[in-house]
Amino acid sequence: MTDLVHDPNNPTTAGNPDAVAHPVGDPGFAEHRPRPTDVDPAAEKRAERQIATFFGLSSLMAILFCVAYFTFDIGDDPDTILGMGASNVTLGLTLGLALLFIGIGAIQWSRKLMSDTEIVEMRHALRSPDEDREEAITAFNTGVEDSGIARRPLIRNSLLGAAGTLLLPVIVALRDLGPLPGDALYHTVWKEGMRVVNDVSGSPIRPEWVRIGQLVNAEPEVFYNPEPYDSEPIEGHHLLAEKAKAALILVRMQPDDITPAEGRENWGVDGILAYSKICTHVGCPISLWEQQTHHLLCPCHQSTFDLADNGKVIFGPAARALPQLPLAVDDEGYLIATSDFTEPVGPSFWERG
């Protein structure tokens, strides 16, 4: 905000050609009236106890949040309050009150006990001079001193206690993120002998059904028929997680166009190769297939992989090639995997070597 130059119509500068008007005229302040806590030590102590009480109530609500989290059942037969889930009601109520009480205490502290002075500060669009910056730091330190936090241990300690106990609901709620992944990021449900099936119909795939240049979205058969693999049915969110990791794209190209890496010479069947469907950048599902160039393009950030050259990255932010699944044909002529992926699928993570 810039200052206004002399304006003869402005009563602030009229008659004074050297004067510079403020952006807003000075409205003046009414005579200062002290607060009861400024003149009455008893009122000051009473306000201090009130503020500490609010901070203490905040701590109590945070502890009750943790108690409610472990007390109420949220399973198949959840506890209820007034027809609503008891866990949700009590968790929301206790956490809300914990935040409310600590906010009320802070507001009361500011209104009743902190310095009661009026300050006018002009705003500047550019960086302030060093002198002004030093003055601001001095003013901040003065404000800390005026707040009385150093000489009011009751308020200071109750505030620290309220802030500390508010961390308990955060720590407890982290439990809902689920168990640690362990080695789940390194493995999928694919294993030796498991058939490759169409991800829509669940039908096994024969090599002769895949045309040159075609891309097929596929999954392991265990999701549709677990019995041959001595597996329990995978259901619920576990099914979604395992499907996401095991998702596959099947492509067929001329065998002469393929340049297999050492040890991968037998990973395909008559030009049919299988790769993870999950981009190694941030995990987007990909299936934008360019038949002539053998390139696979991720629609999220345009990472491009050459499937004729072991899924190598040729463009974009992805840092590693698409994991490849080794294929073979079973006795009935259907495509099968000969093992799981030999490297983690999806985006990179810290623990990955």
Protein backbone atom coordinates (compact mmCIF):
# COMPACT_ATOMS: atom_id res chain seq x y z
CA MET A 1 0.00 0.00 0.00
CA THR A 2 1.52 3.39 -0.97
CA ASP A 3 1.14 6.74 0.79
CA LEU A 4 -1.04 9.44 -0.74
CA VAL A 5 0.61 12.71 -1.77
CA HIS A 6 -0.60 16.11 -0.66
CA ASP A 7 -4.30 16.63 -1.40
CA PRO A 8 -5.76 20.10 -0.78
CA ASN A 9 -9.21 18.53 -0.34
CA ASN A 10 -8.00 16.24 2.38
CA PRO A 11 -8.29 17.95 5.79
CA THR A 12 -5.32 15.90 7.00
CA THR A 13 -2.97 17.60 4.53
CA ALA A 14 -4.75 20.82 3.65
CA GLY A 15 -2.57 23.83 4.21
CA ASN A 16 0.57 21.74 4.57
CA PRO A 17 2.16 21.09 1.15
CA ASP A 18 4.95 19.00 2.72
CA ALA A 19 2.58 16.66 4.49
CA VAL A 20 1.90 13.10 3.28
CA ALA A 21 -1.50 11.62 4.00
CA HIS A 22 -2.01 8.12 5.36
CA PRO A 23 -4.02 5.72 3.14
CA VAL A 24 -6.76 5.90 5.78
CA GLY A 25 -7.27 8.90 7.99
CA ASP A 26 -6.45 8.42 11.66
CA PRO A 27 -9.82 7.74 13.33
CA GLY A 28 -8.35 8.20 16.79
CA PHE A 29 -8.84 5.95 19.80
CA ALA A 30 -11.25 6.23 22.67
CA GLU A 31 -9.74 6.69 26.09
CA HIS A 32 -8.26 3.44 27.29
CA ARG A 33 -10.34 1.63 29.92
CA PRO A 34 -8.47 -0.96 31.98
CA ARG A 35 -9.88 -4.47 32.26
CA PRO A 36 -10.84 -5.89 35.67
CA THR A 37 -7.84 -8.23 35.46
CA ASP A 38 -5.54 -5.23 34.97
CA VAL A 39 -6.51 -3.58 38.26
CA ASP A 40 -7.83 -6.41 40.47
CA PRO A 41 -5.32 -9.14 41.44
CA ALA A 42 -8.18 -11.40 42.53
CA ALA A 43 -9.81 -11.14 39.09
CA GLU A 44 -6.45 -11.86 37.50
CA LYS A 45 -6.01 -15.04 39.53
CA ARG A 46 -9.59 -16.06 38.84
CA ALA A 47 -9.06 -15.65 35.09
CA GLU A 48 -5.85 -17.64 35.30
CA ARG A 49 -7.69 -20.52 37.00
CA GLN A 50 -10.49 -20.39 34.43
CA ILE A 51 -8.03 -20.63 31.55
CA ALA A 52 -6.16 -23.52 33.18
CA THR A 53 -9.53 -25.25 33.68
CA PHE A 54 -10.30 -25.07 29.97
CA PHE A 55 -6.87 -26.49 29.16
CA GLY A 56 -7.44 -29.25 31.70
CA LEU A 57 -10.83 -30.08 30.17
CA SER A 58 -9.13 -30.32 26.78
CA SER A 59 -6.69 -32.86 28.22
CA LEU A 60 -9.58 -34.82 29.74
CA MET A 61 -11.45 -34.96 26.41
CA ALA A 62 -8.33 -36.18 24.61
CA ILE A 63 -7.95 -39.00 27.15
CA LEU A 64 -11.65 -39.89 26.81
CA PHE A 65 -11.14 -40.08 23.05
CA CYS A 66 -8.59 -42.84 23.60
CA VAL A 67 -10.88 -44.61 26.07
CA ALA A 68 -13.81 -44.51 23.62
CA TYR A 69 -11.62 -45.78 20.81
CA PHE A 70 -10.86 -49.01 22.67
CA THR A 71 -14.21 -49.36 24.48
CA PHE A 72 -16.92 -49.40 21.82
CA ASP A 73 -17.34 -52.28 19.37
CA ILE A 74 -17.46 -51.43 15.66
CA GLY A 75 -17.71 -55.00 14.35
CA ASP A 76 -20.70 -56.86 12.96
CA ASP A 77 -22.84 -55.85 15.96
CA PRO A 78 -21.62 -52.34 16.81
CA ASP A 79 -22.53 -50.45 19.96
CA THR A 80 -24.99 -47.61 19.35
CA ILE A 81 -26.06 -44.35 20.96
CA LEU A 82 -29.46 -42.96 19.89
CA GLY A 83 -29.38 -45.25 16.88
CA MET A 84 -25.93 -44.07 15.79
CA GLY A 85 -22.59 -45.79 16.06
CA ALA A 86 -21.33 -45.20 19.58
CA SER A 87 -17.71 -45.16 18.46
CA ASN A 88 -18.24 -42.44 15.85
CA VAL A 89 -20.38 -40.32 18.19
CA THR A 90 -17.99 -40.43 21.12
CA LEU A 91 -14.83 -40.05 19.05
CA GLY A 92 -16.22 -37.03 17.23
CA LEU A 93 -17.62 -35.47 20.40
CA THR A 94 -14.51 -35.90 22.55
CA LEU A 95 -12.07 -34.76 19.87
CA GLY A 96 -14.27 -31.77 19.01
CA LEU A 97 -14.53 -30.73 22.65
CA ALA A 98 -10.78 -31.17 23.16
CA LEU A 99 -10.10 -28.72 20.34
CA LEU A 100 -12.91 -26.39 21.48
CA PHE A 101 -11.69 -26.16 25.06
CA ILE A 102 -8.11 -25.46 24.11
CA GLY A 103 -9.35 -22.76 21.72
CA ILE A 104 -11.56 -21.15 24.39
CA GLY A 105 -8.68 -21.17 26.83
CA ALA A 106 -6.36 -19.48 24.35
CA ILE A 107 -8.96 -16.80 23.53
CA GLN A 108 -9.65 -16.09 27.20
CA TRP A 109 -5.92 -15.85 27.87
CA SER A 110 -5.56 -13.30 25.07
CA ARG A 111 -8.58 -11.24 26.13
CA LYS A 112 -8.06 -11.18 29.88
CA LEU A 113 -4.36 -11.51 30.63
CA MET A 114 -2.21 -10.56 27.66
CA SER A 115 -1.09 -6.98 27.00
CA ASP A 116 -4.04 -4.65 26.33
CA THR A 117 -2.60 -1.99 24.03
CA GLU A 118 -3.62 -0.59 20.64
CA ILE A 119 -1.07 -0.89 17.82
CA VAL A 120 -1.10 0.74 14.38
CA GLU A 121 1.06 -0.82 11.69
CA MET A 122 1.36 0.39 8.11
CA ARG A 123 1.62 -2.28 5.45
CA HIS A 124 4.24 -2.36 2.75
CA ALA A 125 4.22 -4.31 -0.49
CA LEU A 126 7.98 -4.91 -0.51
CA ARG A 127 10.45 -6.39 1.93
CA SER A 128 10.82 -4.27 5.02
CA PRO A 129 14.17 -2.61 5.82
CA ASP A 130 16.42 -4.44 8.23
CA GLU A 131 15.64 -1.84 10.90
CA ASP A 132 11.92 -2.64 10.63
CA ARG A 133 12.60 -6.38 10.70
CA GLU A 134 14.66 -6.00 13.87
CA GLU A 135 11.88 -3.89 15.33
CA ALA A 136 9.37 -6.63 14.49
CA ILE A 137 11.50 -9.24 16.26
CA THR A 138 11.75 -6.95 19.26
CA ALA A 139 7.98 -6.48 19.21
CA PHE A 140 7.50 -10.25 19.07
CA ASN A 141 9.77 -10.77 22.04
CA THR A 142 7.90 -8.03 23.86
CA GLY A 143 4.65 -9.82 23.10
CA VAL A 144 6.03 -13.05 24.52
CA GLU A 145 6.97 -11.15 27.64
CA ASP A 146 3.57 -9.44 27.81
CA SER A 147 1.78 -12.79 27.48
CA GLY A 148 3.19 -13.72 30.85
CA ILE A 149 3.83 -17.33 29.84
CA ALA A 150 7.12 -17.32 31.73
CA ARG A 151 5.63 -16.00 34.97
CA ARG A 152 2.31 -17.87 34.83
CA PRO A 153 3.32 -21.52 35.34
CA LEU A 154 -0.27 -22.68 35.91
CA ILE A 155 -1.38 -21.54 32.44
CA ARG A 156 1.88 -22.60 30.79
CA ASN A 157 1.84 -26.10 32.26
CA SER A 158 -1.87 -26.69 31.62
CA LEU A 159 -1.45 -25.52 28.00
CA LEU A 160 1.52 -27.83 27.50
CA GLY A 161 -0.48 -30.65 29.03
CA ALA A 162 -3.47 -29.99 26.75
CA ALA A 163 -1.27 -29.81 23.67
CA GLY A 164 0.56 -32.98 24.67
CA THR A 165 -2.58 -35.01 25.32
CA LEU A 166 -4.03 -33.88 21.99
CA LEU A 167 -1.29 -36.00 20.42
CA LEU A 168 -2.81 -39.12 22.00
CA PRO A 169 -5.87 -39.21 19.68
CA VAL A 170 -3.53 -38.80 16.71
CA ILE A 171 -1.36 -41.72 17.81
CA VAL A 172 -4.37 -43.91 18.62
CA ALA A 173 -6.07 -43.11 15.30
CA LEU A 174 -2.94 -44.21 13.42
CA ARG A 175 -3.92 -47.75 14.41
CA ASP A 176 -6.70 -47.58 11.81
CA LEU A 177 -4.13 -47.38 9.05
CA GLY A 178 -3.79 -51.14 9.43
CA PRO A 179 -0.87 -53.45 10.09
CA LEU A 180 2.60 -52.81 8.73
CA PRO A 181 2.96 -54.15 5.17
CA GLY A 182 5.84 -56.50 5.98
CA ASP A 183 6.93 -58.10 2.70
CA ALA A 184 3.53 -57.59 1.05
CA LEU A 185 5.02 -55.02 -1.33
CA TYR A 186 7.47 -57.59 -2.66
CA HIS A 187 4.97 -60.32 -3.58
CA THR A 188 1.68 -60.84 -5.41
CA VAL A 189 -0.65 -63.84 -5.61
CA TRP A 190 0.97 -65.02 -8.86
CA LYS A 191 2.78 -68.34 -8.53
CA GLU A 192 3.99 -71.19 -10.70
CA GLY A 193 1.24 -72.86 -12.70
CA MET A 194 -1.42 -70.19 -12.13
CA ARG A 195 -3.48 -69.48 -15.24
CA VAL A 196 -3.76 -66.06 -16.84
CA VAL A 197 -7.42 -65.07 -17.27
CA ASN A 198 -9.29 -62.17 -18.86
CA ASP A 199 -9.97 -59.58 -16.17
CA VAL A 200 -13.59 -59.09 -17.29
CA SER A 201 -14.84 -62.60 -17.97
CA GLY A 202 -12.38 -64.57 -15.85
CA SER A 203 -11.83 -66.95 -18.79
CA PRO A 204 -8.43 -68.63 -19.29
CA ILE A 205 -6.50 -67.47 -22.34
CA ARG A 206 -4.96 -69.58 -25.10
CA PRO A 207 -2.02 -68.14 -27.08
CA GLU A 208 -3.83 -68.53 -30.39
CA TRP A 209 -6.63 -66.28 -29.15
CA VAL A 210 -4.28 -63.29 -28.87
CA ARG A 211 -3.62 -61.54 -32.19
CA ILE A 212 -0.41 -59.74 -33.07
CA GLY A 213 -0.68 -56.12 -31.90
CA GLN A 214 -3.44 -56.92 -29.40
CA LEU A 215 -3.39 -55.94 -25.70
CA VAL A 216 -5.41 -57.92 -23.14
CA ASN A 217 -6.01 -56.85 -19.55
CA ALA A 218 -5.58 -59.91 -17.37
CA GLU A 219 -5.60 -61.22 -13.79
CA PRO A 220 -4.62 -64.48 -12.03
CA GLU A 221 -7.28 -67.19 -12.06
CA VAL A 222 -7.20 -67.55 -8.28
CA PHE A 223 -9.52 -64.54 -7.96
CA TYR A 224 -12.20 -66.37 -9.92
CA ASN A 225 -11.47 -70.03 -9.12
CA PRO A 226 -9.42 -70.52 -5.92
CA GLU A 227 -9.93 -74.29 -5.55
CA PRO A 228 -7.19 -75.51 -7.95
CA TYR A 229 -4.65 -73.44 -6.03
CA ASP A 230 -5.65 -74.60 -2.52
CA SER A 231 -6.52 -71.02 -1.65
CA GLU A 232 -9.28 -69.55 0.47
CA PRO A 233 -11.54 -67.11 -1.41
CA ILE A 234 -10.12 -63.58 -1.31
CA GLU A 235 -12.82 -61.07 -0.41
CA GLY A 236 -13.48 -57.49 0.57
CA HIS A 237 -10.66 -54.94 0.66
CA HIS A 238 -8.08 -57.74 0.54
CA LEU A 239 -9.41 -58.71 -2.88
CA LEU A 240 -9.12 -55.12 -4.11
CA ALA A 241 -5.55 -54.81 -2.80
CA GLU A 242 -4.41 -58.10 -4.31
CA LYS A 243 -6.10 -57.35 -7.64
CA ALA A 244 -4.33 -54.00 -7.80
CA LYS A 245 -0.93 -55.60 -7.26
CA ALA A 246 -1.47 -58.57 -9.62
CA ALA A 247 -3.05 -56.63 -12.52
CA LEU A 248 -1.45 -57.64 -15.82
CA ILE A 249 -1.27 -56.55 -19.44
CA LEU A 250 -0.76 -59.20 -22.08
CA VAL A 251 0.58 -58.11 -25.48
CA ARG A 252 1.59 -59.97 -28.61
CA MET A 253 4.15 -58.85 -31.16
CA GLN A 254 6.38 -60.42 -33.78
CA PRO A 255 8.95 -62.60 -31.97
CA ASP A 256 11.74 -61.08 -34.11
CA ASP A 257 10.88 -57.61 -32.73
CA ILE A 258 11.56 -58.69 -29.13
CA THR A 259 14.97 -58.13 -27.51
CA PRO A 260 14.86 -60.19 -24.30
CA ALA A 261 17.30 -59.49 -21.49
CA GLU A 262 19.68 -62.19 -20.38
CA GLY A 263 17.73 -64.89 -18.57
CA ARG A 264 14.40 -63.82 -20.08
CA GLU A 265 14.67 -65.65 -23.38
CA ASN A 266 11.88 -68.08 -22.38
CA TRP A 267 9.61 -65.61 -20.58
CA GLY A 268 7.26 -65.25 -23.55
CA VAL A 269 5.08 -67.58 -25.63
CA ASP A 270 5.15 -67.07 -29.43
CA GLY A 271 5.65 -63.32 -29.03
CA ILE A 272 3.20 -62.99 -26.12
CA LEU A 273 4.65 -61.10 -23.14
CA ALA A 274 3.11 -60.17 -19.80
CA TYR A 275 3.91 -57.03 -17.78
CA SER A 276 2.57 -55.40 -14.65
CA LYS A 277 -0.26 -52.98 -15.38
CA ILE A 278 0.91 -50.61 -12.62
CA CYS A 279 3.16 -47.71 -13.63
CA THR A 280 6.46 -47.60 -11.75
CA HIS A 281 6.16 -43.84 -11.28
CA VAL A 282 3.19 -43.33 -8.93
CA GLY A 283 1.15 -46.46 -9.56
CA CYS A 284 -1.36 -45.42 -12.23
CA PRO A 285 -2.98 -48.27 -14.22
CA ILE A 286 -1.74 -48.20 -17.82
CA SER A 287 -2.94 -49.76 -21.06
CA LEU A 288 -2.39 -47.14 -23.81
CA TRP A 289 -0.72 -49.42 -26.32
CA GLU A 290 0.99 -48.32 -29.55
CA GLN A 291 1.07 -51.41 -31.74
CA GLN A 292 3.60 -50.22 -34.30
CA THR A 293 6.23 -48.92 -31.87
CA HIS A 294 5.56 -51.47 -29.08
CA HIS A 295 5.35 -48.57 -26.62
CA LEU A 296 3.06 -48.46 -23.60
CA LEU A 297 2.07 -44.96 -22.41
CA CYS A 298 0.93 -44.03 -18.91
CA PRO A 299 -1.95 -41.50 -19.13
CA CYS A 300 -1.10 -39.84 -15.80
CA HIS A 301 2.38 -38.41 -16.44
CA GLN A 302 3.28 -39.75 -19.89
CA SER A 303 5.89 -42.28 -18.78
CA THR A 304 6.54 -44.50 -21.82
CA PHE A 305 7.80 -48.08 -21.73
CA ASP A 306 9.19 -50.19 -24.59
CA LEU A 307 7.60 -53.63 -24.14
CA ALA A 308 9.74 -55.12 -26.89
CA ASP A 309 12.80 -54.19 -24.83
CA ASN A 310 11.96 -55.61 -21.39
CA GLY A 311 9.60 -52.76 -20.44
CA LYS A 312 12.44 -50.23 -20.45
CA VAL A 313 11.57 -46.57 -19.73
CA ILE A 314 12.15 -44.43 -22.82
CA PHE A 315 10.35 -41.26 -21.72
CA GLY A 316 8.81 -39.62 -18.69
CA PRO A 317 9.36 -39.55 -14.92
CA ALA A 318 9.24 -43.31 -14.23
CA ALA A 319 12.60 -44.45 -12.88
CA ARG A 320 12.50 -48.19 -13.58
CA ALA A 321 11.19 -50.66 -16.14
CA LEU A 322 7.82 -52.38 -15.86
CA PRO A 323 8.13 -55.72 -14.02
CA GLN A 324 7.66 -58.67 -16.38
CA LEU A 325 5.84 -61.91 -15.52
CA PRO A 326 7.33 -65.09 -17.02
CA LEU A 327 4.82 -67.11 -19.08
CA ALA A 328 4.39 -70.68 -20.31
CA VAL A 329 1.59 -72.95 -21.55
CA ASP A 330 0.02 -75.73 -19.45
CA ASP A 331 -1.00 -79.20 -20.58
CA GLU A 332 -4.39 -77.93 -21.75
CA GLY A 333 -2.89 -75.16 -23.87
CA TYR A 334 -3.68 -72.19 -21.59
CA LEU A 335 -1.27 -69.42 -20.62
CA ILE A 336 0.17 -69.74 -17.13
CA ALA A 337 2.74 -67.95 -15.00
CA THR A 338 5.93 -69.83 -14.18
CA SER A 339 6.54 -67.76 -11.02
CA ASP A 340 5.61 -64.54 -9.30
CA PHE A 341 7.10 -61.24 -10.47
CA THR A 342 10.82 -61.29 -9.72
CA GLU A 343 10.76 -57.67 -8.49
CA PRO A 344 8.23 -55.48 -6.64
CA VAL A 345 5.43 -54.06 -8.77
CA GLY A 346 4.19 -50.49 -8.64
CA PRO A 347 6.01 -47.30 -7.66
CA SER A 348 9.35 -47.37 -5.90
CA PHE A 349 9.59 -47.14 -2.11
CA TRP A 350 12.35 -46.41 0.38
CA GLU A 351 13.13 -49.98 1.42
CA ARG A 352 13.36 -51.27 -2.12
CA GLY A 353 16.93 -52.14 -3.08
